[in-house]
């Protein structure tokens, strides 16, 4: 007898749970693969994070290139700050630091054969070109030749200081510290210069060396007065093949 209720339909069997888990795992693996291609994991950064969590410092301290004790050195971070150098540390005040670095010794000009003896008095040796270049890259500068290894003499000049010197009135003022970079080269042994040493820098003495003042930047009014118009000017290409730097493709190393 039909009770008014339609025939019962047998429900379809549901997807097994293990199949759903398997599908989700496959989706996670595929998604992780593509994410790793787009955002590769930097293992060095991850290592640094874990080291920091363990209480270890991940900061690397470079030699500061401090030139406070260099003769005629000028503060590269601000050439207007003046008095923080000295004139040759007396041997009685030598108290060494823990980091070897370049330091410039002045006070008595010597020839090349004597230069190494000056450094030895401070427990150091003559500085090499690479060591001077490293010092320059870390802010060192002084406007005096110093004997260095291989019968060479150099002094570093920072670009900011050189730009300031270009406000000088005479050519001598403009070129008194050479050009930005390491100035110098190979000289005759009998020429007398200061000395560039490499070793533990002596402590700063009680008396400071007063640096010569740099030329002041002209005012806008002075600049307008000195402005001159040139008619016969020609712009030269960047090199023999390219007009500008943006068109230049560097050669692979």
C-alpha atoms as a PDB file:
ATOM      1  CA  UNK A   1       0.000   0.000   0.000  1.00  0.00           C
ATOM      2  CA  UNK A   2       1.322   3.399  -0.964  1.00  0.00           C
ATOM      3  CA  UNK A   3       1.425   5.643   2.070  1.00  0.00           C
ATOM      4  CA  UNK A   4       1.887   8.797  -0.023  1.00  0.00           C
ATOM      5  CA  UNK A   5       5.605   8.880   0.464  1.00  0.00           C
ATOM      6  CA  UNK A   6       7.599   8.476  -2.745  1.00  0.00           C
ATOM      7  CA  UNK A   7      10.066   5.681  -3.247  1.00  0.00           C
ATOM      8  CA  UNK A   8      13.187   6.152  -1.176  1.00  0.00           C
ATOM      9  CA  UNK A   9      16.353   6.925  -3.212  1.00  0.00           C
ATOM     10  CA  UNK A  10      19.591   5.449  -1.979  1.00  0.00           C
ATOM     11  CA  UNK A  11      22.091   8.280  -1.241  1.00  0.00           C
ATOM     12  CA  UNK A  12      25.397   8.305  -3.119  1.00  0.00           C
ATOM     13  CA  UNK A  13      28.415   7.320  -1.104  1.00  0.00           C
ATOM     14  CA  UNK A  14      30.567  10.324   0.044  1.00  0.00           C
ATOM     15  CA  UNK A  15      34.310  10.765  -0.894  1.00  0.00           C
ATOM     16  CA  UNK A  16      36.482   8.921   1.592  1.00  0.00           C
ATOM     17  CA  UNK A  17      38.323  11.098   4.119  1.00  0.00           C
ATOM     18  CA  UNK A  18      41.749   9.782   3.148  1.00  0.00           C
ATOM     19  CA  UNK A  19      41.121  10.856  -0.468  1.00  0.00           C
ATOM     20  CA  UNK A  20      40.324  14.410   0.631  1.00  0.00           C
ATOM     21  CA  UNK A  21      43.497  14.538   2.740  1.00  0.00           C
ATOM     22  CA  UNK A  22      45.540  13.234  -0.204  1.00  0.00           C
ATOM     23  CA  UNK A  23      44.113  15.885  -2.542  1.00  0.00           C
ATOM     24  CA  UNK A  24      44.830  18.678  -0.035  1.00  0.00           C
ATOM     25  CA  UNK A  25      48.414  17.455   0.367  1.00  0.00           C
ATOM     26  CA  UNK A  26      48.938  17.471  -3.402  1.00  0.00           C
ATOM     27  CA  UNK A  27      47.546  21.018  -3.652  1.00  0.00           C
ATOM     28  CA  UNK A  28      49.855  22.178  -0.834  1.00  0.00           C
ATOM     29  CA  UNK A  29      52.913  20.579  -2.471  1.00  0.00           C
ATOM     30  CA  UNK A  30      52.165  22.088  -5.891  1.00  0.00           C
ATOM     31  CA  UNK A  31      51.420  25.500  -4.379  1.00  0.00           C
ATOM     32  CA  UNK A  32      54.589  25.417  -2.300  1.00  0.00           C
ATOM     33  CA  UNK A  33      56.653  24.542  -5.362  1.00  0.00           C
ATOM     34  CA  UNK A  34      55.433  27.544  -7.360  1.00  0.00           C
ATOM     35  CA  UNK A  35      55.786  29.868  -4.356  1.00  0.00           C
ATOM     36  CA  UNK A  36      59.385  28.751  -3.835  1.00  0.00           C
ATOM     37  CA  UNK A  37      60.138  29.582  -7.471  1.00  0.00           C
ATOM     38  CA  UNK A  38      58.644  33.048  -7.152  1.00  0.00           C
ATOM     39  CA  UNK A  39      59.914  33.788  -3.624  1.00  0.00           C
ATOM     40  CA  UNK A  40      63.126  31.800  -3.062  1.00  0.00           C
ATOM     41  CA  UNK A  41      64.158  31.330   0.562  1.00  0.00           C
ATOM     42  CA  UNK A  42      67.224  33.283   1.638  1.00  0.00           C
ATOM     43  CA  UNK A  43      69.008  30.836   3.927  1.00  0.00           C
ATOM     44  CA  UNK A  44      71.507  33.465   5.081  1.00  0.00           C
ATOM     45  CA  UNK A  45      68.722  35.727   6.338  1.00  0.00           C
ATOM     46  CA  UNK A  46      67.017  32.779   8.013  1.00  0.00           C
ATOM     47  CA  UNK A  47      70.262  31.814   9.719  1.00  0.00           C
ATOM     48  CA  UNK A  48      70.783  35.394  10.899  1.00  0.00           C
ATOM     49  CA  UNK A  49      67.268  35.453  12.384  1.00  0.00           C
ATOM     50  CA  UNK A  50      67.862  32.252  14.363  1.00  0.00           C
ATOM     51  CA  UNK A  51      71.255  33.515  15.561  1.00  0.00           C
ATOM     52  CA  UNK A  52      69.657  36.754  16.703  1.00  0.00           C
ATOM     53  CA  UNK A  53      66.970  34.826  18.561  1.00  0.00           C
ATOM     54  CA  UNK A  54      69.703  32.867  20.305  1.00  0.00           C
ATOM     55  CA  UNK A  55      71.109  36.143  21.606  1.00  0.00           C
ATOM     56  CA  UNK A  56      73.993  36.349  19.139  1.00  0.00           C
ATOM     57  CA  UNK A  57      74.642  39.613  17.346  1.00  0.00           C
ATOM     58  CA  UNK A  58      74.546  39.433  13.557  1.00  0.00           C
ATOM     59  CA  UNK A  59      76.027  42.883  13.033  1.00  0.00           C
ATOM     60  CA  UNK A  60      79.428  43.019  11.322  1.00  0.00           C
ATOM     61  CA  UNK A  61      81.708  45.786  12.523  1.00  0.00           C
ATOM     62  CA  UNK A  62      84.012  47.218   9.888  1.00  0.00           C
ATOM     63  CA  UNK A  63      87.033  49.353  10.723  1.00  0.00           C
ATOM     64  CA  UNK A  64      85.607  52.839  11.001  1.00  0.00           C
ATOM     65  CA  UNK A  65      88.344  54.462   8.954  1.00  0.00           C
ATOM     66  CA  UNK A  66      88.687  56.928  11.800  1.00  0.00           C
ATOM     67  CA  UNK A  67      91.194  59.559  10.773  1.00  0.00           C
ATOM     68  CA  UNK A  68      91.088  61.588  13.932  1.00  0.00           C
ATOM     69  CA  UNK A  69      94.782  60.937  14.537  1.00  0.00           C
ATOM     70  CA  UNK A  70      95.981  61.636  10.993  1.00  0.00           C
ATOM     71  CA  UNK A  71      98.048  64.687  10.167  1.00  0.00           C
ATOM     72  CA  UNK A  72      96.100  67.193   8.071  1.00  0.00           C
ATOM     73  CA  UNK A  73      93.133  64.839   7.917  1.00  0.00           C
ATOM     74  CA  UNK A  74      89.728  66.346   7.152  1.00  0.00           C
ATOM     75  CA  UNK A  75      86.425  64.914   8.373  1.00  0.00           C
ATOM     76  CA  UNK A  76      84.828  63.325   5.290  1.00  0.00           C
ATOM     77  CA  UNK A  77      81.388  63.344   6.893  1.00  0.00           C
ATOM     78  CA  UNK A  78      81.448  67.158   7.118  1.00  0.00           C
ATOM     79  CA  UNK A  79      84.412  69.199   5.988  1.00  0.00           C
ATOM     80  CA  UNK A  80      83.320  72.149   8.093  1.00  0.00           C
ATOM     81  CA  UNK A  81      84.058  70.368  11.366  1.00  0.00           C
ATOM     82  CA  UNK A  82      87.565  71.320  12.189  1.00  0.00           C
ATOM     83  CA  UNK A  83      89.694  70.215  15.072  1.00  0.00           C
ATOM     84  CA  UNK A  84      90.065  66.508  15.602  1.00  0.00           C
ATOM     85  CA  UNK A  85      93.490  65.469  14.335  1.00  0.00           C
ATOM     86  CA  UNK A  86      96.954  65.641  15.744  1.00  0.00           C
ATOM     87  CA  UNK A  87     100.520  66.165  14.749  1.00  0.00           C
ATOM     88  CA  UNK A  88     102.395  62.846  15.105  1.00  0.00           C
ATOM     89  CA  UNK A  89     101.701  60.840  18.255  1.00  0.00           C
ATOM     90  CA  UNK A  90     104.721  60.909  20.600  1.00  0.00           C
ATOM     91  CA  UNK A  91     106.088  57.439  21.368  1.00  0.00           C
ATOM     92  CA  UNK A  92     105.509  58.058  25.072  1.00  0.00           C
ATOM     93  CA  UNK A  93     101.762  58.183  24.406  1.00  0.00           C
ATOM     94  CA  UNK A  94     101.518  55.016  22.321  1.00  0.00           C
ATOM     95  CA  UNK A  95      98.673  52.836  23.591  1.00  0.00           C
ATOM     96  CA  UNK A  96      97.572  50.409  20.920  1.00  0.00           C
ATOM     97  CA  UNK A  97      94.065  49.541  19.797  1.00  0.00           C
ATOM     98  CA  UNK A  98      92.939  46.031  18.856  1.00  0.00           C
ATOM     99  CA  UNK A  99      92.393  46.598  15.117  1.00  0.00           C
ATOM    100  CA  UNK A 100      95.182  47.018  12.572  1.00  0.00           C
ATOM    101  CA  UNK A 101      94.649  50.001  10.298  1.00  0.00           C
ATOM    102  CA  UNK A 102      96.449  52.613   8.226  1.00  0.00           C
ATOM    103  CA  UNK A 103      97.726  55.678  10.058  1.00  0.00           C
ATOM    104  CA  UNK A 104      99.733  58.604   8.735  1.00  0.00           C
ATOM    105  CA  UNK A 105     102.849  59.680  10.651  1.00  0.00           C
ATOM    106  CA  UNK A 106     104.104  63.234  10.203  1.00  0.00           C
ATOM    107  CA  UNK A 107     106.446  65.593  12.009  1.00  0.00           C
ATOM    108  CA  UNK A 108     109.738  64.722  10.333  1.00  0.00           C
ATOM    109  CA  UNK A 109     110.191  64.089   6.618  1.00  0.00           C
ATOM    110  CA  UNK A 110     112.266  60.998   5.820  1.00  0.00           C
ATOM    111  CA  UNK A 111     113.547  59.180   2.735  1.00  0.00           C
ATOM    112  CA  UNK A 112     112.245  55.773   1.666  1.00  0.00           C
ATOM    113  CA  UNK A 113     114.997  53.732   3.327  1.00  0.00           C
ATOM    114  CA  UNK A 114     114.211  55.382   6.665  1.00  0.00           C
ATOM    115  CA  UNK A 115     110.410  55.214   6.377  1.00  0.00           C
ATOM    116  CA  UNK A 116     110.039  51.630   7.600  1.00  0.00           C
ATOM    117  CA  UNK A 117     112.032  52.484  10.738  1.00  0.00           C
ATOM    118  CA  UNK A 118     109.445  55.155  11.568  1.00  0.00           C
ATOM    119  CA  UNK A 119     106.650  52.567  11.432  1.00  0.00           C
ATOM    120  CA  UNK A 120     108.658  50.088  13.508  1.00  0.00           C
ATOM    121  CA  UNK A 121     108.901  52.654  16.305  1.00  0.00           C
ATOM    122  CA  UNK A 122     105.102  52.370  16.548  1.00  0.00           C
ATOM    123  CA  UNK A 123     105.154  48.583  16.272  1.00  0.00           C
ATOM    124  CA  UNK A 124     103.846  48.781  12.708  1.00  0.00           C
ATOM    125  CA  UNK A 125     105.073  48.477   9.123  1.00  0.00           C
ATOM    126  CA  UNK A 126     104.720  50.387   5.861  1.00  0.00           C
ATOM    127  CA  UNK A 127     101.186  50.333   4.454  1.00  0.00           C
ATOM    128  CA  UNK A 128     100.466  48.676   1.113  1.00  0.00           C
ATOM    129  CA  UNK A 129      98.454  50.138  -1.768  1.00  0.00           C
ATOM    130  CA  UNK A 130      95.488  47.849  -1.042  1.00  0.00           C
ATOM    131  CA  UNK A 131      95.479  48.868   2.625  1.00  0.00           C
ATOM    132  CA  UNK A 132      95.523  52.543   1.678  1.00  0.00           C
ATOM    133  CA  UNK A 133      92.723  51.973  -0.830  1.00  0.00           C
ATOM    134  CA  UNK A 134      90.662  50.261   1.878  1.00  0.00           C
ATOM    135  CA  UNK A 135      91.315  53.201   4.208  1.00  0.00           C
ATOM    136  CA  UNK A 136      90.219  55.676   1.520  1.00  0.00           C
ATOM    137  CA  UNK A 137      87.021  53.696   0.930  1.00  0.00           C
ATOM    138  CA  UNK A 138      86.305  53.986   4.659  1.00  0.00           C
ATOM    139  CA  UNK A 139      86.717  57.772   4.823  1.00  0.00           C
ATOM    140  CA  UNK A 140      90.461  58.325   5.396  1.00  0.00           C
ATOM    141  CA  UNK A 141      92.157  61.391   3.946  1.00  0.00           C
ATOM    142  CA  UNK A 142      95.141  63.658   4.533  1.00  0.00           C
ATOM    143  CA  UNK A 143      96.843  66.083   2.161  1.00  0.00           C
ATOM    144  CA  UNK A 144     100.413  64.913   2.622  1.00  0.00           C
ATOM    145  CA  UNK A 145     102.384  62.289   0.737  1.00  0.00           C
ATOM    146  CA  UNK A 146     103.356  59.325   2.883  1.00  0.00           C
ATOM    147  CA  UNK A 147     105.929  56.694   2.014  1.00  0.00           C
ATOM    148  CA  UNK A 148     104.279  53.298   1.466  1.00  0.00           C
ATOM    149  CA  UNK A 149     105.394  49.851   0.318  1.00  0.00           C
ATOM    150  CA  UNK A 150     107.316  49.340  -2.966  1.00  0.00           C
ATOM    151  CA  UNK A 151     108.910  52.800  -2.958  1.00  0.00           C
ATOM    152  CA  UNK A 152     105.573  54.540  -3.478  1.00  0.00           C
ATOM    153  CA  UNK A 153     104.028  57.521  -1.719  1.00  0.00           C
ATOM    154  CA  UNK A 154     100.290  58.223  -1.524  1.00  0.00           C
ATOM    155  CA  UNK A 155      97.651  60.319   0.171  1.00  0.00           C
ATOM    156  CA  UNK A 156      93.857  59.834  -0.024  1.00  0.00           C
ATOM    157  CA  UNK A 157      91.399  62.629  -0.793  1.00  0.00           C
ATOM    158  CA  UNK A 158      87.631  62.322  -0.402  1.00  0.00           C
ATOM    159  CA  UNK A 159      85.399  63.685  -3.173  1.00  0.00           C
ATOM    160  CA  UNK A 160      83.482  65.942  -0.793  1.00  0.00           C
ATOM    161  CA  UNK A 161      86.690  67.661   0.286  1.00  0.00           C
ATOM    162  CA  UNK A 162      87.899  68.042  -3.300  1.00  0.00           C
ATOM    163  CA  UNK A 163      84.579  69.652  -4.282  1.00  0.00           C
ATOM    164  CA  UNK A 164      84.932  72.120  -1.415  1.00  0.00           C
ATOM    165  CA  UNK A 165      88.462  73.024  -2.508  1.00  0.00           C
ATOM    166  CA  UNK A 166      87.209  73.981  -5.968  1.00  0.00           C
ATOM    167  CA  UNK A 167      85.774  77.138  -4.410  1.00  0.00           C
ATOM    168  CA  UNK A 168      89.336  78.357  -3.881  1.00  0.00           C
ATOM    169  CA  UNK A 169      90.461  81.553  -5.581  1.00  0.00           C
ATOM    170  CA  UNK A 170      93.780  80.245  -6.883  1.00  0.00           C
ATOM    171  CA  UNK A 171      94.832  77.111  -8.721  1.00  0.00           C
ATOM    172  CA  UNK A 172      97.079  76.239  -5.785  1.00  0.00           C
ATOM    173  CA  UNK A 173      94.098  76.199  -3.423  1.00  0.00           C
ATOM    174  CA  UNK A 174      92.061  74.067  -5.820  1.00  0.00           C
ATOM    175  CA  UNK A 175      94.774  71.441  -6.273  1.00  0.00           C
ATOM    176  CA  UNK A 176      96.274  71.413  -2.764  1.00  0.00           C
ATOM    177  CA  UNK A 177      94.810  67.948  -2.066  1.00  0.00           C
ATOM    178  CA  UNK A 178      95.069  66.474  -5.551  1.00  0.00           C
ATOM    179  CA  UNK A 179      91.982  64.716  -6.917  1.00  0.00           C
ATOM    180  CA  UNK A 180      89.434  62.334  -5.365  1.00  0.00           C
ATOM    181  CA  UNK A 181      90.952  58.912  -4.697  1.00  0.00           C
ATOM    182  CA  UNK A 182      94.536  57.874  -3.984  1.00  0.00           C
ATOM    183  CA  UNK A 183      97.054  60.456  -5.157  1.00  0.00           C
ATOM    184  CA  UNK A 184     100.670  59.525  -5.729  1.00  0.00           C
ATOM    185  CA  UNK A 185     102.862  56.853  -7.276  1.00  0.00           C
ATOM    186  CA  UNK A 186     106.503  55.779  -7.362  1.00  0.00           C
ATOM    187  CA  UNK A 187     109.192  58.280  -6.353  1.00  0.00           C
ATOM    188  CA  UNK A 188     112.969  58.410  -6.024  1.00  0.00           C
ATOM    189  CA  UNK A 189     114.289  56.969  -2.758  1.00  0.00           C
ATOM    190  CA  UNK A 190     116.037  60.135  -1.688  1.00  0.00           C
ATOM    191  CA  UNK A 191     112.857  62.226  -1.730  1.00  0.00           C
ATOM    192  CA  UNK A 192     111.520  63.022   1.733  1.00  0.00           C
ATOM    193  CA  UNK A 193     107.900  62.539   2.767  1.00  0.00           C
ATOM    194  CA  UNK A 194     105.801  61.625   5.772  1.00  0.00           C
ATOM    195  CA  UNK A 195     105.018  57.929   6.308  1.00  0.00           C
ATOM    196  CA  UNK A 196     101.923  55.729   5.899  1.00  0.00           C
ATOM    197  CA  UNK A 197     102.034  52.894   8.442  1.00  0.00           C
ATOM    198  CA  UNK A 198      99.828  49.859   9.024  1.00  0.00           C
ATOM    199  CA  UNK A 199      99.328  48.447  12.494  1.00  0.00           C
ATOM    200  CA  UNK A 200      97.715  49.330  15.809  1.00  0.00           C
ATOM    201  CA  UNK A 201      96.839  53.013  15.762  1.00  0.00           C
ATOM    202  CA  UNK A 202      98.248  54.924  18.764  1.00  0.00           C
ATOM    203  CA  UNK A 203      95.763  56.618  21.072  1.00  0.00           C
ATOM    204  CA  UNK A 204      94.885  60.235  20.462  1.00  0.00           C
ATOM    205  CA  UNK A 205      97.116  62.584  22.502  1.00  0.00           C
ATOM    206  CA  UNK A 206      95.868  65.420  24.657  1.00  0.00           C
ATOM    207  CA  UNK A 207      96.751  68.116  22.112  1.00  0.00           C
ATOM    208  CA  UNK A 208      94.894  68.405  18.812  1.00  0.00           C
ATOM    209  CA  UNK A 209      96.184  69.440  15.415  1.00  0.00           C
ATOM    210  CA  UNK A 210      94.354  72.447  13.986  1.00  0.00           C
ATOM    211  CA  UNK A 211      93.496  71.880  10.334  1.00  0.00           C
ATOM    212  CA  UNK A 212      93.851  74.643   7.751  1.00  0.00           C
ATOM    213  CA  UNK A 213      90.505  76.197   6.834  1.00  0.00           C
ATOM    214  CA  UNK A 214      88.915  75.219   3.535  1.00  0.00           C
ATOM    215  CA  UNK A 215      87.539  77.799   1.072  1.00  0.00           C
ATOM    216  CA  UNK A 216      83.968  78.872   1.787  1.00  0.00           C
ATOM    217  CA  UNK A 217      81.172  78.093  -0.655  1.00  0.00           C
ATOM    218  CA  UNK A 218      80.245  81.304  -2.535  1.00  0.00           C
ATOM    219  CA  UNK A 219      76.814  82.829  -1.985  1.00  0.00           C
ATOM    220  CA  UNK A 220      74.164  82.831  -4.734  1.00  0.00           C
ATOM    221  CA  UNK A 221      74.855  86.518  -5.396  1.00  0.00           C
ATOM    222  CA  UNK A 222      78.575  85.861  -5.844  1.00  0.00           C
ATOM    223  CA  UNK A 223      77.854  82.928  -8.142  1.00  0.00           C
ATOM    224  CA  UNK A 224      75.631  85.086 -10.360  1.00  0.00           C
ATOM    225  CA  UNK A 225      78.338  87.740 -10.628  1.00  0.00           C
ATOM    226  CA  UNK A 226      80.946  85.190 -11.709  1.00  0.00           C
ATOM    227  CA  UNK A 227      78.630  83.469 -14.239  1.00  0.00           C
ATOM    228  CA  UNK A 228      79.899  83.734 -17.803  1.00  0.00           C
ATOM    229  CA  UNK A 229      78.136  82.752 -21.027  1.00  0.00           C
ATOM    230  CA  UNK A 230      80.052  80.634 -23.524  1.00  0.00           C
ATOM    231  CA  UNK A 231      78.990  80.390 -27.182  1.00  0.00           C
ATOM    232  CA  UNK A 232      81.381  77.875 -28.763  1.00  0.00           C
ATOM    233  CA  UNK A 233      80.609  74.757 -26.738  1.00  0.00           C
ATOM    234  CA  UNK A 234      80.521  71.147 -27.930  1.00  0.00           C
ATOM    235  CA  UNK A 235      79.252  68.144 -25.973  1.00  0.00           C
ATOM    236  CA  UNK A 236      81.515  65.113 -26.459  1.00  0.00           C
ATOM    237  CA  UNK A 237      80.055  61.548 -26.713  1.00  0.00           C
ATOM    238  CA  UNK A 238      80.388  59.184 -23.750  1.00  0.00           C
ATOM    239  CA  UNK A 239      82.930  57.123 -25.720  1.00  0.00           C
ATOM    240  CA  UNK A 240      83.812  56.278 -29.323  1.00  0.00           C
ATOM    241  CA  UNK A 241      80.729  54.078 -29.782  1.00  0.00           C
ATOM    242  CA  UNK A 242      78.094  55.447 -27.407  1.00  0.00           C
ATOM    243  CA  UNK A 243      76.549  58.871 -26.911  1.00  0.00           C
ATOM    244  CA  UNK A 244      75.533  58.508 -23.282  1.00  0.00           C
ATOM    245  CA  UNK A 245      76.078  56.218 -20.352  1.00  0.00           C
ATOM    246  CA  UNK A 246      72.522  54.826 -20.566  1.00  0.00           C
ATOM    247  CA  UNK A 247      73.355  53.414 -24.028  1.00  0.00           C
ATOM    248  CA  UNK A 248      76.450  51.674 -22.724  1.00  0.00           C
ATOM    249  CA  UNK A 249      76.344  47.942 -22.090  1.00  0.00           C
ATOM    250  CA  UNK A 250      79.198  46.811 -19.816  1.00  0.00           C
ATOM    251  CA  UNK A 251      81.288  43.900 -20.958  1.00  0.00           C
ATOM    252  CA  UNK A 252      80.739  40.675 -19.004  1.00  0.00           C
ATOM    253  CA  UNK A 253      83.510  39.966 -16.500  1.00  0.00           C
END
